[in-house]
C-alpha atoms as a PDB file:
ATOM      1  CA  UNK A   1     258.717-200.389 103.995  1.00  0.00           C
ATOM      2  CA  UNK A   2     261.838-202.066 102.595  1.00  0.00           C
ATOM      3  CA  UNK A   3     261.349-205.118 104.818  1.00  0.00           C
ATOM      4  CA  UNK A   4     257.695-205.290 103.829  1.00  0.00           C
ATOM      5  CA  UNK A   5     258.603-205.064 100.149  1.00  0.00           C
ATOM      6  CA  UNK A   6     261.019-207.964 100.574  1.00  0.00           C
ATOM      7  CA  UNK A   7     258.275-210.039 102.200  1.00  0.00           C
ATOM      8  CA  UNK A   8     255.720-209.492  99.403  1.00  0.00           C
ATOM      9  CA  UNK A   9     257.828-209.103  96.251  1.00  0.00           C
ATOM     10  CA  UNK A  10     257.417-212.745  95.216  1.00  0.00           C
ATOM     11  CA  UNK A  11     253.726-212.996  96.069  1.00  0.00           C
ATOM     12  CA  UNK A  12     251.361-213.489  93.128  1.00  0.00           C
ATOM     13  CA  UNK A  13     248.076-211.639  92.751  1.00  0.00           C
ATOM     14  CA  UNK A  14     246.260-214.943  92.267  1.00  0.00           C
ATOM     15  CA  UNK A  15     247.409-216.057  95.732  1.00  0.00           C
ATOM     16  CA  UNK A  16     246.243-212.817  97.320  1.00  0.00           C
ATOM     17  CA  UNK A  17     242.746-213.266  95.855  1.00  0.00           C
ATOM     18  CA  UNK A  18     242.651-216.949  96.848  1.00  0.00           C
ATOM     19  CA  UNK A  19     243.635-216.077 100.419  1.00  0.00           C
ATOM     20  CA  UNK A  20     241.113-213.249 100.817  1.00  0.00           C
ATOM     21  CA  UNK A  21     237.611-213.502  99.362  1.00  0.00           C
ATOM     22  CA  UNK A  22     236.968-209.868 100.373  1.00  0.00           C
ATOM     23  CA  UNK A  23     240.066-208.501  98.600  1.00  0.00           C
ATOM     24  CA  UNK A  24     238.211-206.619  95.878  1.00  0.00           C
ATOM     25  CA  UNK A  25     235.881-204.977  98.422  1.00  0.00           C
ATOM     26  CA  UNK A  26     238.789-204.056 100.706  1.00  0.00           C
ATOM     27  CA  UNK A  27     241.016-202.635  97.985  1.00  0.00           C
ATOM     28  CA  UNK A  28     238.640-200.758  95.714  1.00  0.00           C
ATOM     29  CA  UNK A  29     236.546-197.615  95.891  1.00  0.00           C
ATOM     30  CA  UNK A  30     233.456-196.662  93.922  1.00  0.00           C
ATOM     31  CA  UNK A  31     232.198-193.108  93.897  1.00  0.00           C
ATOM     32  CA  UNK A  32     230.232-191.039  91.407  1.00  0.00           C
ATOM     33  CA  UNK A  33     230.299-193.801  88.775  1.00  0.00           C
ATOM     34  CA  UNK A  34     234.092-194.085  89.017  1.00  0.00           C
ATOM     35  CA  UNK A  35     235.691-197.332  90.090  1.00  0.00           C
ATOM     36  CA  UNK A  36     239.188-197.164  91.543  1.00  0.00           C
ATOM     37  CA  UNK A  37     240.310-200.773  91.768  1.00  0.00           C
ATOM     38  CA  UNK A  38     243.695-201.218  93.358  1.00  0.00           C
ATOM     39  CA  UNK A  39     243.051-204.825  94.416  1.00  0.00           C
ATOM     40  CA  UNK A  40     245.178-206.110  91.558  1.00  0.00           C
ATOM     41  CA  UNK A  41     248.328-204.635  93.037  1.00  0.00           C
ATOM     42  CA  UNK A  42     250.648-206.561  95.293  1.00  0.00           C
ATOM     43  CA  UNK A  43     249.459-204.959  98.500  1.00  0.00           C
ATOM     44  CA  UNK A  44     248.197-206.258 101.804  1.00  0.00           C
ATOM     45  CA  UNK A  45     246.527-204.793 104.864  1.00  0.00           C
ATOM     46  CA  UNK A  46     250.032-204.275 106.216  1.00  0.00           C
ATOM     47  CA  UNK A  47     251.010-202.367 103.063  1.00  0.00           C
ATOM     48  CA  UNK A  48     248.129-199.945 103.596  1.00  0.00           C
ATOM     49  CA  UNK A  49     248.979-199.548 107.282  1.00  0.00           C
ATOM     50  CA  UNK A  50     252.629-198.819 106.454  1.00  0.00           C
ATOM     51  CA  UNK A  51     251.701-196.325 103.726  1.00  0.00           C
ATOM     52  CA  UNK A  52     249.321-194.502 106.063  1.00  0.00           C
ATOM     53  CA  UNK A  53     252.025-194.427 108.741  1.00  0.00           C
ATOM     54  CA  UNK A  54     254.504-193.014 106.218  1.00  0.00           C
ATOM     55  CA  UNK A  55     251.971-190.402 105.073  1.00  0.00           C
ATOM     56  CA  UNK A  56     251.500-189.297 108.693  1.00  0.00           C
ATOM     57  CA  UNK A  57     255.243-189.192 109.352  1.00  0.00           C
ATOM     58  CA  UNK A  58     255.798-187.094 106.219  1.00  0.00           C
ATOM     59  CA  UNK A  59     252.893-184.790 107.135  1.00  0.00           C
ATOM     60  CA  UNK A  60     251.255-185.451 103.771  1.00  0.00           C
ATOM     61  CA  UNK A  61     247.949-183.891 104.851  1.00  0.00           C
ATOM     62  CA  UNK A  62     249.738-180.665 105.765  1.00  0.00           C
ATOM     63  CA  UNK A  63     251.374-180.625 102.331  1.00  0.00           C
ATOM     64  CA  UNK A  64     248.066-181.209 100.568  1.00  0.00           C
ATOM     65  CA  UNK A  65     246.427-178.450 102.594  1.00  0.00           C
ATOM     66  CA  UNK A  66     249.322-176.118 101.773  1.00  0.00           C
ATOM     67  CA  UNK A  67     248.950-176.886  98.066  1.00  0.00           C
ATOM     68  CA  UNK A  68     245.204-176.206  98.081  1.00  0.00           C
ATOM     69  CA  UNK A  69     245.764-173.013 100.069  1.00  0.00           C
ATOM     70  CA  UNK A  70     248.192-171.647  97.473  1.00  0.00           C
ATOM     71  CA  UNK A  71     251.189-171.721  99.806  1.00  0.00           C
ATOM     72  CA  UNK A  72     254.675-171.618  98.316  1.00  0.00           C
ATOM     73  CA  UNK A  73     255.601-175.299  98.517  1.00  0.00           C
ATOM     74  CA  UNK A  74     257.780-175.394  95.389  1.00  0.00           C
ATOM     75  CA  UNK A  75     261.041-174.783  97.247  1.00  0.00           C
ATOM     76  CA  UNK A  76     263.150-174.740  94.079  1.00  0.00           C
ATOM     77  CA  UNK A  77     261.251-171.826  92.552  1.00  0.00           C
ATOM     78  CA  UNK A  78     259.866-170.363  95.806  1.00  0.00           C
ATOM     79  CA  UNK A  79     256.308-170.342  94.519  1.00  0.00           C
ATOM     80  CA  UNK A  80     252.959-172.083  94.810  1.00  0.00           C
ATOM     81  CA  UNK A  81     252.603-175.182  92.636  1.00  0.00           C
ATOM     82  CA  UNK A  82     249.204-174.175  91.231  1.00  0.00           C
ATOM     83  CA  UNK A  83     248.184-177.709  90.258  1.00  0.00           C
ATOM     84  CA  UNK A  84     244.739-176.897  91.566  1.00  0.00           C
ATOM     85  CA  UNK A  85     244.482-173.782  89.389  1.00  0.00           C
ATOM     86  CA  UNK A  86     245.325-175.716  86.231  1.00  0.00           C
ATOM     87  CA  UNK A  87     242.525-178.158  86.998  1.00  0.00           C
ATOM     88  CA  UNK A  88     239.975-175.643  88.206  1.00  0.00           C
ATOM     89  CA  UNK A  89     237.184-175.498  85.641  1.00  0.00           C
ATOM     90  CA  UNK A  90     234.725-173.900  88.062  1.00  0.00           C
ATOM     91  CA  UNK A  91     234.258-170.241  88.873  1.00  0.00           C
ATOM     92  CA  UNK A  92     235.923-170.698  92.274  1.00  0.00           C
ATOM     93  CA  UNK A  93     238.972-168.509  92.883  1.00  0.00           C
ATOM     94  CA  UNK A  94     242.411-169.968  93.544  1.00  0.00           C
ATOM     95  CA  UNK A  95     244.295-167.614  95.811  1.00  0.00           C
ATOM     96  CA  UNK A  96     248.059-167.152  95.948  1.00  0.00           C
ATOM     97  CA  UNK A  97     249.337-164.413  98.243  1.00  0.00           C
ATOM     98  CA  UNK A  98     245.740-163.190  98.472  1.00  0.00           C
ATOM     99  CA  UNK A  99     245.378-162.796  94.684  1.00  0.00           C
ATOM    100  CA  UNK A 100     243.020-164.865  92.534  1.00  0.00           C
ATOM    101  CA  UNK A 101     245.224-166.425  89.828  1.00  0.00           C
ATOM    102  CA  UNK A 102     242.321-167.845  87.820  1.00  0.00           C
ATOM    103  CA  UNK A 103     241.950-164.860  85.451  1.00  0.00           C
ATOM    104  CA  UNK A 104     245.603-165.312  84.414  1.00  0.00           C
ATOM    105  CA  UNK A 105     245.213-169.101  84.092  1.00  0.00           C
ATOM    106  CA  UNK A 106     242.089-168.701  81.963  1.00  0.00           C
ATOM    107  CA  UNK A 107     243.847-166.121  79.771  1.00  0.00           C
ATOM    108  CA  UNK A 108     246.736-168.523  79.114  1.00  0.00           C
ATOM    109  CA  UNK A 109     244.330-171.368  78.324  1.00  0.00           C
ATOM    110  CA  UNK A 110     242.448-169.102  75.898  1.00  0.00           C
ATOM    111  CA  UNK A 111     245.765-168.127  74.285  1.00  0.00           C
ATOM    112  CA  UNK A 112     246.641-171.833  73.881  1.00  0.00           C
ATOM    113  CA  UNK A 113     243.221-172.493  72.370  1.00  0.00           C
ATOM    114  CA  UNK A 114     243.642-169.699  69.802  1.00  0.00           C
ATOM    115  CA  UNK A 115     247.214-170.725  69.020  1.00  0.00           C
ATOM    116  CA  UNK A 116     246.039-174.315  68.545  1.00  0.00           C
ATOM    117  CA  UNK A 117     243.307-173.277  66.125  1.00  0.00           C
ATOM    118  CA  UNK A 118     245.885-171.371  64.050  1.00  0.00           C
ATOM    119  CA  UNK A 119     248.212-174.387  63.939  1.00  0.00           C
ATOM    120  CA  UNK A 120     245.440-176.779  62.931  1.00  0.00           C
ATOM    121  CA  UNK A 121     244.033-174.443  60.280  1.00  0.00           C
ATOM    122  CA  UNK A 122     247.472-173.848  58.781  1.00  0.00           C
ATOM    123  CA  UNK A 123     247.273-170.101  59.488  1.00  0.00           C
ATOM    124  CA  UNK A 124     250.298-170.337  61.811  1.00  0.00           C
ATOM    125  CA  UNK A 125     253.364-171.098  59.728  1.00  0.00           C
ATOM    126  CA  UNK A 126     256.744-172.489  60.638  1.00  0.00           C
ATOM    127  CA  UNK A 127     260.039-170.670  60.048  1.00  0.00           C
ATOM    128  CA  UNK A 128     259.982-171.840  56.400  1.00  0.00           C
ATOM    129  CA  UNK A 129     256.626-170.189  55.765  1.00  0.00           C
ATOM    130  CA  UNK A 130     254.962-173.583  55.386  1.00  0.00           C
ATOM    131  CA  UNK A 131     252.205-174.964  57.642  1.00  0.00           C
ATOM    132  CA  UNK A 132     253.495-176.851  60.661  1.00  0.00           C
ATOM    133  CA  UNK A 133     253.545-180.636  60.193  1.00  0.00           C
ATOM    134  CA  UNK A 134     255.109-181.769  63.476  1.00  0.00           C
ATOM    135  CA  UNK A 135     254.025-180.910  66.998  1.00  0.00           C
ATOM    136  CA  UNK A 136     256.548-181.850  69.690  1.00  0.00           C
ATOM    137  CA  UNK A 137     255.442-181.590  73.284  1.00  0.00           C
ATOM    138  CA  UNK A 138     258.344-181.741  75.732  1.00  0.00           C
ATOM    139  CA  UNK A 139     257.394-181.370  79.351  1.00  0.00           C
ATOM    140  CA  UNK A 140     256.533-182.727  82.733  1.00  0.00           C
ATOM    141  CA  UNK A 141     253.578-185.064  82.394  1.00  0.00           C
ATOM    142  CA  UNK A 142     251.261-183.299  84.839  1.00  0.00           C
ATOM    143  CA  UNK A 143     251.973-179.840  83.411  1.00  0.00           C
ATOM    144  CA  UNK A 144     251.576-181.138  79.878  1.00  0.00           C
ATOM    145  CA  UNK A 145     247.996-182.168  80.602  1.00  0.00           C
ATOM    146  CA  UNK A 146     247.049-178.502  80.264  1.00  0.00           C
ATOM    147  CA  UNK A 147     248.531-178.602  76.775  1.00  0.00           C
ATOM    148  CA  UNK A 148     246.108-181.433  75.980  1.00  0.00           C
ATOM    149  CA  UNK A 149     243.176-179.744  77.694  1.00  0.00           C
ATOM    150  CA  UNK A 150     243.667-176.889  75.260  1.00  0.00           C
ATOM    151  CA  UNK A 151     243.423-179.441  72.409  1.00  0.00           C
ATOM    152  CA  UNK A 152     246.901-178.696  71.094  1.00  0.00           C
ATOM    153  CA  UNK A 153     248.009-182.301  70.733  1.00  0.00           C
ATOM    154  CA  UNK A 154     244.854-184.378  70.845  1.00  0.00           C
ATOM    155  CA  UNK A 155     245.250-186.871  67.994  1.00  0.00           C
ATOM    156  CA  UNK A 156     241.696-186.299  66.769  1.00  0.00           C
ATOM    157  CA  UNK A 157     242.554-182.618  66.296  1.00  0.00           C
ATOM    158  CA  UNK A 158     245.997-183.065  64.851  1.00  0.00           C
ATOM    159  CA  UNK A 159     244.733-183.741  61.321  1.00  0.00           C
ATOM    160  CA  UNK A 160     247.806-184.198  59.154  1.00  0.00           C
ATOM    161  CA  UNK A 161     250.064-183.155  62.010  1.00  0.00           C
ATOM    162  CA  UNK A 162     252.466-185.659  63.501  1.00  0.00           C
ATOM    163  CA  UNK A 163     252.300-185.429  67.303  1.00  0.00           C
ATOM    164  CA  UNK A 164     255.388-186.431  69.284  1.00  0.00           C
ATOM    165  CA  UNK A 165     255.477-186.465  73.087  1.00  0.00           C
ATOM    166  CA  UNK A 166     258.398-186.583  75.476  1.00  0.00           C
ATOM    167  CA  UNK A 167     257.522-186.507  79.170  1.00  0.00           C
ATOM    168  CA  UNK A 168     259.587-186.355  82.298  1.00  0.00           C
ATOM    169  CA  UNK A 169     257.217-187.953  84.797  1.00  0.00           C
END
């Protein structure tokens, strides 16, 4: 990969399109009214081949399967990552150690929704007894998306609140 990077790092996108009339078709996907266009990245057929080789060597598919099966792949905390549960808006269960975690996830999301309504209405007060003016969201970007799903920090809902975000990607 490092050698490949060195060979393409000074290539310009314009050149890649000039050299390959089929570039957009080769490096884009369209499904269910969603266009994923990655043709405007400095990638080549070799880049894709090398990335697929790396994915196979790293057993990426096994890791993805383990994540979707609720296996404990977070080695630091010895637990399942539950990304799929946080994004599951269907009635399908997400099992971890044989237990459906969705009732707990939905309960937390409902709690966030109620808490958010209290902040926006001014019912929830800060330590001074005054309505909260500043909302600071500090978190990992992917986990913080749940915070937004619950409408806590969406600018259109913030009203007179000042929303500050600090993410560790």
